[in-house]
N, C-alpha and C. Protein backbone atom coordinates (compact mmCIF):
# COMPACT_ATOMS: atom_id res chain seq x y z
N MET A 1 -12.97 -32.86 -18.57
CA MET A 1 -13.27 -32.25 -17.29
C MET A 1 -13.56 -33.33 -16.26
N ASP A 2 -12.99 -33.19 -15.09
CA ASP A 2 -13.13 -34.18 -14.03
C ASP A 2 -14.47 -33.97 -13.34
N LYS A 3 -15.33 -34.99 -13.40
CA LYS A 3 -16.66 -34.85 -12.81
C LYS A 3 -16.77 -35.60 -11.50
N ARG A 4 -15.65 -36.13 -10.99
CA ARG A 4 -15.71 -36.81 -9.69
C ARG A 4 -16.09 -35.80 -8.60
N GLU A 5 -16.78 -36.29 -7.62
CA GLU A 5 -17.21 -35.43 -6.52
C GLU A 5 -17.01 -36.17 -5.21
N TYR A 6 -16.96 -35.43 -4.15
CA TYR A 6 -16.92 -36.07 -2.85
C TYR A 6 -17.99 -35.43 -1.96
N ILE A 7 -18.38 -36.17 -0.95
CA ILE A 7 -19.48 -35.73 -0.09
C ILE A 7 -18.92 -35.29 1.26
N ILE A 8 -19.38 -34.11 1.70
CA ILE A 8 -19.03 -33.61 3.02
C ILE A 8 -20.27 -33.77 3.89
N MET A 9 -20.13 -34.49 4.99
CA MET A 9 -21.27 -34.69 5.88
C MET A 9 -20.96 -34.13 7.26
N THR A 10 -21.89 -33.37 7.77
CA THR A 10 -21.82 -32.93 9.16
C THR A 10 -23.11 -33.41 9.81
N GLU A 11 -23.30 -33.10 11.06
CA GLU A 11 -24.50 -33.57 11.75
C GLU A 11 -25.77 -33.01 11.14
N THR A 12 -25.70 -31.80 10.56
CA THR A 12 -26.93 -31.18 10.07
C THR A 12 -27.01 -31.04 8.56
N THR A 13 -25.90 -31.18 7.84
CA THR A 13 -25.96 -30.97 6.39
C THR A 13 -25.15 -32.00 5.63
N ILE A 14 -25.51 -32.15 4.40
CA ILE A 14 -24.75 -32.97 3.45
C ILE A 14 -24.52 -32.10 2.23
N ALA A 15 -23.27 -31.99 1.81
CA ALA A 15 -22.95 -31.18 0.64
C ALA A 15 -22.11 -32.00 -0.33
N VAL A 16 -22.37 -31.82 -1.60
CA VAL A 16 -21.59 -32.48 -2.63
C VAL A 16 -20.68 -31.42 -3.26
N THR A 17 -19.39 -31.67 -3.19
CA THR A 17 -18.41 -30.71 -3.69
C THR A 17 -17.55 -31.38 -4.76
N PRO A 18 -17.37 -30.70 -5.90
CA PRO A 18 -16.51 -31.30 -6.92
C PRO A 18 -15.04 -31.33 -6.46
N ILE A 19 -14.33 -32.37 -6.85
CA ILE A 19 -12.91 -32.47 -6.53
C ILE A 19 -12.16 -31.55 -7.49
N LYS A 20 -11.30 -30.72 -6.92
CA LYS A 20 -10.52 -29.82 -7.76
C LYS A 20 -9.46 -30.60 -8.51
N LYS A 21 -9.34 -30.29 -9.78
CA LYS A 21 -8.34 -30.94 -10.60
C LYS A 21 -6.96 -30.38 -10.25
N ARG A 22 -6.01 -31.26 -10.10
CA ARG A 22 -4.64 -30.85 -9.75
C ARG A 22 -4.02 -30.08 -10.92
N VAL A 23 -3.33 -28.99 -10.58
CA VAL A 23 -2.67 -28.18 -11.58
C VAL A 23 -1.33 -28.80 -11.93
N ASN A 24 -1.08 -28.96 -13.21
CA ASN A 24 0.21 -29.47 -13.67
C ASN A 24 1.17 -28.28 -13.72
N SER A 25 2.09 -28.20 -12.77
CA SER A 25 2.96 -27.03 -12.65
C SER A 25 3.90 -26.90 -13.84
N LYS A 26 4.32 -28.01 -14.42
CA LYS A 26 5.19 -27.96 -15.60
C LYS A 26 4.44 -27.33 -16.78
N LYS A 27 3.19 -27.74 -16.95
CA LYS A 27 2.35 -27.19 -18.01
C LYS A 27 2.10 -25.70 -17.80
N LYS A 28 1.88 -25.32 -16.54
CA LYS A 28 1.64 -23.93 -16.19
C LYS A 28 2.88 -23.09 -16.51
N GLY A 29 4.06 -23.59 -16.16
CA GLY A 29 5.31 -22.89 -16.44
C GLY A 29 5.55 -22.76 -17.94
N ASN A 30 5.29 -23.84 -18.68
CA ASN A 30 5.45 -23.81 -20.13
C ASN A 30 4.53 -22.77 -20.76
N SER A 31 3.31 -22.70 -20.27
CA SER A 31 2.34 -21.74 -20.79
C SER A 31 2.82 -20.31 -20.55
N HIS A 32 3.35 -20.05 -19.36
CA HIS A 32 3.87 -18.72 -19.04
C HIS A 32 5.04 -18.37 -19.97
N GLU A 33 5.92 -19.32 -20.20
CA GLU A 33 7.05 -19.09 -21.10
C GLU A 33 6.58 -18.77 -22.52
N LEU A 34 5.54 -19.46 -22.98
CA LEU A 34 4.99 -19.19 -24.32
C LEU A 34 4.42 -17.78 -24.41
N VAL A 35 3.73 -17.35 -23.36
CA VAL A 35 3.17 -15.99 -23.33
C VAL A 35 4.30 -14.97 -23.44
N ILE A 36 5.38 -15.18 -22.70
CA ILE A 36 6.51 -14.26 -22.72
C ILE A 36 7.18 -14.26 -24.09
N ALA A 37 7.39 -15.44 -24.66
CA ALA A 37 8.02 -15.54 -25.99
C ALA A 37 7.19 -14.81 -27.04
N LYS A 38 5.89 -14.97 -27.00
CA LYS A 38 5.02 -14.29 -27.98
C LYS A 38 5.04 -12.78 -27.78
N ALA A 39 5.02 -12.34 -26.54
CA ALA A 39 5.04 -10.89 -26.26
C ALA A 39 6.35 -10.27 -26.75
N LEU A 40 7.47 -10.93 -26.46
CA LEU A 40 8.76 -10.42 -26.91
C LEU A 40 8.84 -10.40 -28.44
N SER A 41 8.37 -11.46 -29.09
CA SER A 41 8.39 -11.51 -30.55
C SER A 41 7.55 -10.38 -31.15
N LYS A 42 6.42 -10.12 -30.56
CA LYS A 42 5.53 -9.06 -31.06
C LYS A 42 6.17 -7.68 -30.90
N HIS A 43 6.71 -7.39 -29.73
CA HIS A 43 7.20 -6.04 -29.43
C HIS A 43 8.62 -5.77 -29.90
N LEU A 44 9.40 -6.83 -30.11
CA LEU A 44 10.80 -6.63 -30.48
C LEU A 44 11.11 -7.14 -31.89
N ALA A 45 10.07 -7.24 -32.73
CA ALA A 45 10.28 -7.67 -34.12
C ALA A 45 11.31 -6.76 -34.76
N PRO A 46 12.19 -7.29 -35.57
CA PRO A 46 12.18 -8.59 -36.25
C PRO A 46 12.75 -9.74 -35.42
N LEU A 47 13.18 -9.50 -34.18
CA LEU A 47 13.67 -10.60 -33.35
C LEU A 47 12.52 -11.55 -33.04
N GLU A 48 12.84 -12.85 -32.99
CA GLU A 48 11.85 -13.87 -32.67
C GLU A 48 12.30 -14.65 -31.44
N PHE A 49 11.34 -15.05 -30.63
CA PHE A 49 11.64 -15.73 -29.37
C PHE A 49 10.86 -17.04 -29.28
N LYS A 50 11.51 -18.01 -28.66
CA LYS A 50 10.91 -19.33 -28.43
C LYS A 50 11.26 -19.79 -27.03
N ARG A 51 10.45 -20.72 -26.54
CA ARG A 51 10.78 -21.40 -25.28
C ARG A 51 12.05 -22.21 -25.51
N VAL A 52 12.90 -22.27 -24.51
CA VAL A 52 14.10 -23.10 -24.59
C VAL A 52 13.67 -24.55 -24.43
N PRO A 53 14.13 -25.45 -25.31
CA PRO A 53 13.77 -26.86 -25.14
C PRO A 53 14.19 -27.34 -23.75
N GLN A 54 13.32 -27.97 -23.06
CA GLN A 54 13.53 -28.47 -21.70
C GLN A 54 13.82 -27.34 -20.71
N SER A 55 13.50 -26.11 -21.07
CA SER A 55 13.61 -24.93 -20.21
C SER A 55 14.84 -24.90 -19.31
N GLY A 56 15.99 -24.83 -19.91
CA GLY A 56 17.21 -24.63 -19.16
C GLY A 56 17.82 -25.86 -18.53
N SER A 57 17.11 -26.99 -18.57
CA SER A 57 17.64 -28.18 -17.90
C SER A 57 18.83 -28.78 -18.65
N HIS A 58 18.97 -28.46 -19.93
CA HIS A 58 20.06 -29.02 -20.72
C HIS A 58 21.42 -28.54 -20.22
N LEU A 59 21.53 -27.26 -19.86
CA LEU A 59 22.80 -26.72 -19.38
C LEU A 59 22.67 -26.07 -18.00
N GLY A 60 21.53 -26.23 -17.37
CA GLY A 60 21.33 -25.65 -16.05
C GLY A 60 21.58 -26.65 -14.94
N GLY A 61 21.59 -26.17 -13.72
CA GLY A 61 21.74 -27.03 -12.54
C GLY A 61 22.98 -27.89 -12.61
N ILE A 62 22.82 -29.21 -12.37
CA ILE A 62 23.97 -30.12 -12.36
C ILE A 62 24.58 -30.29 -13.74
N ASN A 63 23.84 -29.95 -14.79
CA ASN A 63 24.37 -30.05 -16.15
C ASN A 63 25.21 -28.84 -16.55
N SER A 64 25.38 -27.89 -15.65
CA SER A 64 26.14 -26.68 -15.98
C SER A 64 27.59 -26.98 -16.33
N VAL A 65 28.12 -28.14 -15.91
CA VAL A 65 29.49 -28.51 -16.26
C VAL A 65 29.64 -28.72 -17.76
N LEU A 66 28.53 -28.93 -18.46
CA LEU A 66 28.58 -29.14 -19.91
C LEU A 66 28.79 -27.84 -20.69
N VAL A 67 28.64 -26.69 -20.02
CA VAL A 67 28.74 -25.40 -20.69
C VAL A 67 30.05 -25.25 -21.46
N LYS A 68 31.14 -25.70 -20.87
CA LYS A 68 32.44 -25.52 -21.53
C LYS A 68 32.57 -26.32 -22.81
N LYS A 69 31.69 -27.28 -23.06
CA LYS A 69 31.73 -28.08 -24.29
C LYS A 69 31.04 -27.37 -25.46
N TYR A 70 30.28 -26.31 -25.17
CA TYR A 70 29.49 -25.63 -26.19
C TYR A 70 30.04 -24.25 -26.48
N SER A 71 29.79 -23.77 -27.69
CA SER A 71 30.16 -22.39 -28.02
C SER A 71 29.22 -21.43 -27.28
N GLU A 72 29.63 -20.18 -27.20
CA GLU A 72 28.81 -19.17 -26.53
C GLU A 72 27.45 -19.04 -27.20
N GLU A 73 27.41 -19.11 -28.52
CA GLU A 73 26.14 -18.98 -29.24
C GLU A 73 25.18 -20.13 -28.93
N ILE A 74 25.71 -21.34 -28.83
CA ILE A 74 24.86 -22.49 -28.48
C ILE A 74 24.40 -22.37 -27.04
N CYS A 75 25.28 -21.92 -26.15
CA CYS A 75 24.88 -21.73 -24.75
C CYS A 75 23.71 -20.76 -24.65
N LYS A 76 23.74 -19.71 -25.46
CA LYS A 76 22.66 -18.71 -25.43
C LYS A 76 21.32 -19.33 -25.82
N ILE A 77 21.34 -20.37 -26.63
CA ILE A 77 20.10 -21.03 -27.05
C ILE A 77 19.57 -21.96 -25.98
N PHE A 78 20.46 -22.64 -25.25
CA PHE A 78 20.03 -23.65 -24.30
C PHE A 78 19.94 -23.19 -22.85
N ILE A 79 20.34 -21.97 -22.57
CA ILE A 79 20.31 -21.48 -21.20
C ILE A 79 19.15 -20.51 -21.02
N GLY A 80 18.49 -20.59 -19.89
CA GLY A 80 17.33 -19.74 -19.62
C GLY A 80 16.05 -20.46 -20.01
N ASP A 81 14.96 -19.71 -20.02
CA ASP A 81 13.65 -20.29 -20.33
C ASP A 81 13.09 -19.83 -21.67
N VAL A 82 13.45 -18.63 -22.07
CA VAL A 82 13.01 -18.08 -23.36
C VAL A 82 14.24 -17.51 -24.04
N THR A 83 14.40 -17.79 -25.33
CA THR A 83 15.60 -17.34 -26.03
C THR A 83 15.26 -16.69 -27.36
N CYS A 84 16.14 -15.82 -27.80
CA CYS A 84 16.01 -15.19 -29.11
C CYS A 84 16.62 -16.15 -30.13
N ILE A 85 15.83 -16.55 -31.13
CA ILE A 85 16.31 -17.55 -32.09
C ILE A 85 16.99 -16.95 -33.31
N ASN A 86 16.92 -15.65 -33.47
CA ASN A 86 17.57 -15.02 -34.63
C ASN A 86 18.38 -13.79 -34.21
N ASN A 87 19.08 -13.94 -33.12
CA ASN A 87 19.90 -12.84 -32.61
C ASN A 87 20.85 -12.36 -33.70
N GLY A 88 21.03 -11.06 -33.79
CA GLY A 88 21.95 -10.48 -34.77
C GLY A 88 21.28 -10.04 -36.06
N ILE A 89 20.02 -10.41 -36.25
CA ILE A 89 19.31 -10.00 -37.46
C ILE A 89 19.22 -8.47 -37.48
N ASP A 90 19.43 -7.89 -38.63
CA ASP A 90 19.41 -6.43 -38.80
C ASP A 90 20.35 -5.73 -37.81
N ASN A 91 21.44 -6.40 -37.45
CA ASN A 91 22.43 -5.87 -36.51
C ASN A 91 21.84 -5.55 -35.13
N ILE A 92 20.82 -6.29 -34.73
CA ILE A 92 20.17 -6.11 -33.42
C ILE A 92 20.48 -7.34 -32.57
N ASN A 93 20.91 -7.11 -31.35
CA ASN A 93 21.18 -8.21 -30.43
C ASN A 93 20.32 -8.10 -29.18
N PHE A 94 19.73 -9.22 -28.81
CA PHE A 94 18.98 -9.30 -27.55
C PHE A 94 20.00 -9.53 -26.44
N ARG A 95 19.89 -8.82 -25.35
CA ARG A 95 20.96 -8.83 -24.36
C ARG A 95 20.66 -9.55 -23.05
N PHE A 96 19.54 -10.25 -22.96
CA PHE A 96 19.15 -10.86 -21.69
C PHE A 96 19.06 -12.39 -21.74
N CYS A 97 19.31 -12.98 -20.59
CA CYS A 97 19.01 -14.39 -20.33
C CYS A 97 17.75 -14.36 -19.46
N ILE A 98 16.67 -14.92 -19.96
CA ILE A 98 15.38 -14.80 -19.27
C ILE A 98 15.05 -16.05 -18.47
N GLU A 99 14.76 -15.83 -17.21
CA GLU A 99 14.26 -16.86 -16.30
C GLU A 99 12.79 -16.55 -16.07
N CYS A 100 11.90 -17.53 -16.29
CA CYS A 100 10.46 -17.32 -16.10
C CYS A 100 9.96 -18.15 -14.93
N LYS A 101 9.08 -17.56 -14.14
CA LYS A 101 8.46 -18.26 -13.02
C LYS A 101 6.98 -17.90 -12.98
N SER A 102 6.15 -18.91 -12.71
CA SER A 102 4.72 -18.70 -12.57
C SER A 102 4.25 -19.51 -11.37
N TYR A 103 3.76 -18.82 -10.36
CA TYR A 103 3.38 -19.48 -9.11
C TYR A 103 1.95 -19.13 -8.71
N LYS A 104 1.34 -20.05 -8.00
CA LYS A 104 -0.05 -19.88 -7.57
C LYS A 104 -0.18 -18.79 -6.51
N THR A 105 0.61 -18.89 -5.46
CA THR A 105 0.43 -18.04 -4.29
C THR A 105 1.32 -16.82 -4.33
N ARG A 106 0.68 -15.68 -4.17
CA ARG A 106 1.42 -14.42 -4.06
C ARG A 106 2.26 -14.41 -2.80
N GLU A 107 3.42 -13.81 -2.89
CA GLU A 107 4.26 -13.74 -1.71
C GLU A 107 3.90 -12.54 -0.86
N ASP A 108 4.06 -12.73 0.41
CA ASP A 108 3.77 -11.69 1.39
C ASP A 108 4.73 -10.52 1.19
N ILE A 109 4.21 -9.32 1.21
CA ILE A 109 5.04 -8.12 1.03
C ILE A 109 6.15 -8.05 2.10
N VAL A 110 5.87 -8.54 3.29
CA VAL A 110 6.88 -8.55 4.36
C VAL A 110 8.06 -9.44 3.95
N ALA A 111 7.78 -10.59 3.34
CA ALA A 111 8.86 -11.48 2.89
C ALA A 111 9.70 -10.80 1.82
N ILE A 112 9.06 -10.04 0.96
CA ILE A 112 9.79 -9.32 -0.09
C ILE A 112 10.67 -8.24 0.53
N ILE A 113 10.11 -7.49 1.45
CA ILE A 113 10.86 -6.41 2.10
C ILE A 113 12.03 -6.97 2.93
N ASN A 114 11.81 -8.09 3.60
CA ASN A 114 12.84 -8.67 4.46
C ASN A 114 13.86 -9.54 3.72
N GLY A 115 13.71 -9.65 2.40
CA GLY A 115 14.66 -10.45 1.63
C GLY A 115 14.42 -11.94 1.71
N LYS A 116 13.24 -12.35 2.16
CA LYS A 116 12.92 -13.77 2.31
C LYS A 116 12.09 -14.31 1.14
N SER A 117 11.83 -13.50 0.16
CA SER A 117 10.99 -13.88 -0.97
C SER A 117 11.73 -14.79 -1.94
N SER A 118 10.98 -15.61 -2.65
CA SER A 118 11.54 -16.45 -3.71
C SER A 118 12.13 -15.62 -4.84
N ILE A 119 11.69 -14.38 -4.96
CA ILE A 119 12.20 -13.51 -6.03
C ILE A 119 13.72 -13.42 -5.97
N TYR A 120 14.28 -13.35 -4.78
CA TYR A 120 15.73 -13.25 -4.63
C TYR A 120 16.42 -14.52 -5.15
N LYS A 121 15.87 -15.67 -4.80
CA LYS A 121 16.43 -16.95 -5.24
C LYS A 121 16.31 -17.08 -6.76
N TRP A 122 15.15 -16.71 -7.31
CA TRP A 122 14.94 -16.81 -8.75
C TRP A 122 15.89 -15.90 -9.51
N MET A 123 16.11 -14.70 -8.97
CA MET A 123 17.02 -13.77 -9.64
C MET A 123 18.45 -14.28 -9.58
N ASP A 124 18.81 -14.93 -8.49
CA ASP A 124 20.15 -15.54 -8.41
C ASP A 124 20.31 -16.62 -9.48
N GLU A 125 19.26 -17.43 -9.70
CA GLU A 125 19.27 -18.43 -10.78
C GLU A 125 19.53 -17.75 -12.13
N SER A 126 18.83 -16.66 -12.35
CA SER A 126 18.98 -15.93 -13.61
C SER A 126 20.40 -15.40 -13.77
N ARG A 127 20.98 -14.91 -12.70
CA ARG A 127 22.36 -14.39 -12.75
C ARG A 127 23.36 -15.50 -13.11
N ILE A 128 23.18 -16.66 -12.52
CA ILE A 128 24.08 -17.80 -12.79
C ILE A 128 23.99 -18.20 -14.25
N ASP A 129 22.76 -18.35 -14.75
CA ASP A 129 22.58 -18.73 -16.15
C ASP A 129 23.08 -17.65 -17.10
N ALA A 130 22.81 -16.40 -16.79
CA ALA A 130 23.24 -15.30 -17.66
C ALA A 130 24.75 -15.25 -17.79
N ALA A 131 25.45 -15.51 -16.69
CA ALA A 131 26.92 -15.50 -16.73
C ALA A 131 27.45 -16.59 -17.67
N LYS A 132 26.78 -17.73 -17.70
CA LYS A 132 27.20 -18.83 -18.58
C LYS A 132 27.11 -18.43 -20.05
N ALA A 133 26.13 -17.60 -20.39
CA ALA A 133 25.90 -17.22 -21.78
C ALA A 133 26.41 -15.82 -22.11
N ASN A 134 27.07 -15.18 -21.14
CA ASN A 134 27.59 -13.82 -21.33
C ASN A 134 26.46 -12.85 -21.70
N LEU A 135 25.35 -12.96 -20.97
CA LEU A 135 24.18 -12.09 -21.16
C LEU A 135 23.85 -11.43 -19.81
N GLN A 136 22.88 -10.53 -19.84
CA GLN A 136 22.40 -9.90 -18.61
C GLN A 136 21.22 -10.71 -18.07
N PRO A 137 21.09 -10.82 -16.73
CA PRO A 137 19.98 -11.58 -16.16
C PRO A 137 18.67 -10.79 -16.17
N LEU A 138 17.57 -11.49 -16.36
CA LEU A 138 16.24 -10.88 -16.26
C LEU A 138 15.26 -11.96 -15.82
N LEU A 139 14.54 -11.67 -14.75
CA LEU A 139 13.52 -12.58 -14.23
C LEU A 139 12.16 -12.03 -14.62
N ILE A 140 11.31 -12.88 -15.20
CA ILE A 140 9.94 -12.50 -15.53
C ILE A 140 9.03 -13.47 -14.78
N PHE A 141 8.20 -12.94 -13.89
CA PHE A 141 7.40 -13.80 -13.03
C PHE A 141 5.98 -13.28 -12.86
N LYS A 142 5.13 -14.22 -12.42
CA LYS A 142 3.75 -13.84 -12.10
C LYS A 142 3.19 -14.81 -11.08
N TYR A 143 2.14 -14.37 -10.43
CA TYR A 143 1.37 -15.20 -9.53
C TYR A 143 -0.04 -15.25 -10.09
N ASN A 144 -0.84 -16.22 -9.64
CA ASN A 144 -2.23 -16.29 -10.10
C ASN A 144 -2.94 -14.96 -9.85
N ASN A 145 -3.69 -14.53 -10.81
CA ASN A 145 -4.52 -13.32 -10.72
C ASN A 145 -3.72 -12.05 -10.47
N THR A 146 -2.51 -11.98 -10.99
CA THR A 146 -1.71 -10.76 -10.91
C THR A 146 -1.16 -10.44 -12.30
N PRO A 147 -0.70 -9.22 -12.49
CA PRO A 147 -0.02 -8.92 -13.75
C PRO A 147 1.33 -9.64 -13.78
N ILE A 148 2.01 -9.58 -14.89
CA ILE A 148 3.34 -10.15 -15.03
C ILE A 148 4.35 -9.08 -14.61
N TYR A 149 5.36 -9.49 -13.86
CA TYR A 149 6.40 -8.59 -13.38
C TYR A 149 7.75 -8.97 -13.97
N ALA A 150 8.66 -8.02 -13.99
CA ALA A 150 10.05 -8.28 -14.38
C ALA A 150 10.94 -7.79 -13.26
N CYS A 151 11.95 -8.59 -12.94
CA CYS A 151 12.95 -8.19 -11.95
C CYS A 151 14.23 -7.90 -12.71
N ILE A 152 14.71 -6.68 -12.55
CA ILE A 152 15.86 -6.17 -13.29
C ILE A 152 17.06 -6.08 -12.35
N ASP A 153 18.19 -6.56 -12.82
CA ASP A 153 19.42 -6.53 -12.03
C ASP A 153 19.79 -5.11 -11.64
N LYS A 154 20.34 -4.96 -10.44
CA LYS A 154 20.71 -3.65 -9.90
C LYS A 154 21.74 -2.92 -10.75
N SER A 155 22.49 -3.65 -11.58
CA SER A 155 23.51 -3.01 -12.42
C SER A 155 22.92 -2.31 -13.64
N GLU A 156 21.66 -2.56 -13.92
CA GLU A 156 21.00 -1.95 -15.08
C GLU A 156 20.57 -0.51 -14.76
N ILE A 157 20.55 0.31 -15.77
CA ILE A 157 20.00 1.66 -15.64
C ILE A 157 18.55 1.58 -16.09
N LEU A 158 17.65 1.94 -15.17
CA LEU A 158 16.22 1.88 -15.50
C LEU A 158 15.87 2.97 -16.51
N PRO A 159 15.02 2.61 -17.48
CA PRO A 159 14.55 3.62 -18.43
C PRO A 159 13.79 4.73 -17.71
N ASP A 160 13.90 5.95 -18.22
CA ASP A 160 13.19 7.10 -17.65
C ASP A 160 11.69 6.85 -17.64
N GLY A 161 11.05 7.26 -16.55
CA GLY A 161 9.60 7.20 -16.45
C GLY A 161 9.03 5.84 -16.10
N LEU A 162 9.88 4.84 -15.88
CA LEU A 162 9.41 3.50 -15.56
C LEU A 162 9.23 3.38 -14.04
N SER A 163 8.02 3.08 -13.61
CA SER A 163 7.74 2.91 -12.18
C SER A 163 8.34 1.59 -11.71
N SER A 164 8.98 1.63 -10.54
CA SER A 164 9.62 0.41 -10.05
C SER A 164 9.58 0.36 -8.53
N ILE A 165 9.84 -0.83 -8.02
CA ILE A 165 10.03 -1.05 -6.60
C ILE A 165 11.47 -1.53 -6.45
N LYS A 166 12.22 -0.90 -5.56
CA LYS A 166 13.60 -1.31 -5.34
C LYS A 166 13.64 -2.32 -4.21
N LEU A 167 14.22 -3.49 -4.48
CA LEU A 167 14.35 -4.53 -3.47
C LEU A 167 15.55 -4.25 -2.57
N ILE A 168 15.63 -4.95 -1.45
CA ILE A 168 16.71 -4.66 -0.50
C ILE A 168 18.09 -5.00 -1.05
N ASN A 169 18.16 -5.87 -2.05
CA ASN A 169 19.46 -6.20 -2.63
C ASN A 169 19.84 -5.24 -3.77
N GLY A 170 18.96 -4.28 -4.05
CA GLY A 170 19.24 -3.28 -5.09
C GLY A 170 18.58 -3.56 -6.42
N ASP A 171 18.04 -4.77 -6.63
CA ASP A 171 17.33 -5.08 -7.87
C ASP A 171 16.00 -4.32 -7.91
N TYR A 172 15.42 -4.25 -9.11
CA TYR A 172 14.17 -3.53 -9.30
C TYR A 172 13.09 -4.47 -9.81
N VAL A 173 11.86 -4.25 -9.38
CA VAL A 173 10.70 -4.96 -9.91
C VAL A 173 9.82 -3.95 -10.62
N VAL A 174 9.46 -4.28 -11.86
CA VAL A 174 8.61 -3.42 -12.68
C VAL A 174 7.50 -4.25 -13.32
N LEU A 175 6.51 -3.58 -13.85
CA LEU A 175 5.48 -4.29 -14.60
C LEU A 175 6.03 -4.66 -15.98
N PHE A 176 5.91 -5.92 -16.34
CA PHE A 176 6.39 -6.40 -17.63
C PHE A 176 5.74 -5.63 -18.79
N ASP A 177 4.43 -5.38 -18.70
CA ASP A 177 3.72 -4.66 -19.77
C ASP A 177 4.28 -3.26 -20.00
N ASP A 178 4.79 -2.62 -18.96
CA ASP A 178 5.42 -1.31 -19.12
C ASP A 178 6.81 -1.44 -19.73
N LEU A 179 7.56 -2.42 -19.25
CA LEU A 179 8.93 -2.61 -19.72
C LEU A 179 9.00 -3.04 -21.18
N ILE A 180 8.08 -3.86 -21.61
CA ILE A 180 8.10 -4.38 -22.98
C ILE A 180 7.92 -3.27 -24.01
N GLN A 181 7.34 -2.15 -23.59
CA GLN A 181 7.11 -1.02 -24.50
C GLN A 181 8.40 -0.25 -24.80
N ILE A 182 9.46 -0.47 -24.02
CA ILE A 182 10.70 0.29 -24.16
C ILE A 182 11.72 -0.57 -24.91
N THR A 183 11.65 -0.56 -26.22
CA THR A 183 12.47 -1.42 -27.07
C THR A 183 13.95 -1.26 -26.80
N SER A 184 14.41 -0.04 -26.58
CA SER A 184 15.85 0.21 -26.39
C SER A 184 16.40 -0.49 -25.15
N PHE A 185 15.57 -0.81 -24.19
CA PHE A 185 16.04 -1.50 -22.99
C PHE A 185 16.48 -2.93 -23.31
N TRP A 186 15.81 -3.56 -24.23
CA TRP A 186 15.99 -4.99 -24.49
C TRP A 186 17.13 -5.33 -25.44
N ILE A 187 17.49 -4.39 -26.30
CA ILE A 187 18.41 -4.73 -27.39
C ILE A 187 19.62 -3.82 -27.44
N THR A 188 20.63 -4.28 -28.16
CA THR A 188 21.78 -3.45 -28.48
C THR A 188 22.04 -3.60 -29.97
N SER A 189 22.70 -2.63 -30.54
CA SER A 189 23.08 -2.72 -31.95
C SER A 189 24.53 -3.13 -32.03
N LYS A 190 24.87 -3.82 -33.11
CA LYS A 190 26.26 -4.25 -33.31
C LYS A 190 27.15 -3.07 -33.58
């Protein structure tokens, strides 16, 4: 724990305030990915999920040109942030490429309504990666002190009874805890 402090002086008061420790955003993102992998493994057993090594950087971004060198099955392991490590077990297939985001500051509802939110950019990232692996895109995100949300592509049919917010581009935002309960949404049978 960082015990360094700094002093604030004004004409009438002196206050000692602890210096806030800087948040390691990579560590925060990794932690969020682990939470998602554990939740998926618990609710979608016998399927198991793990964080993707280097979280998509192996075949994402400028490295996307390497995709054609790999088989589709290998691409599914290295693309996205969380992957199913035993896809096909018991004739069950996981159908999503998951992009995870964890941010400190909540976005303004006006930015979301006007299409200026990061959610749109993050979902586009998920779509690009999902296409590489021949999977469906899914964004799972959260902000500090909020529940976890999932953004579902507009091409998906929402499960009955699931509360959602429809974005201006047609995608849907739902509570992850509600969505994880609907096993049939996540998987397909061979």
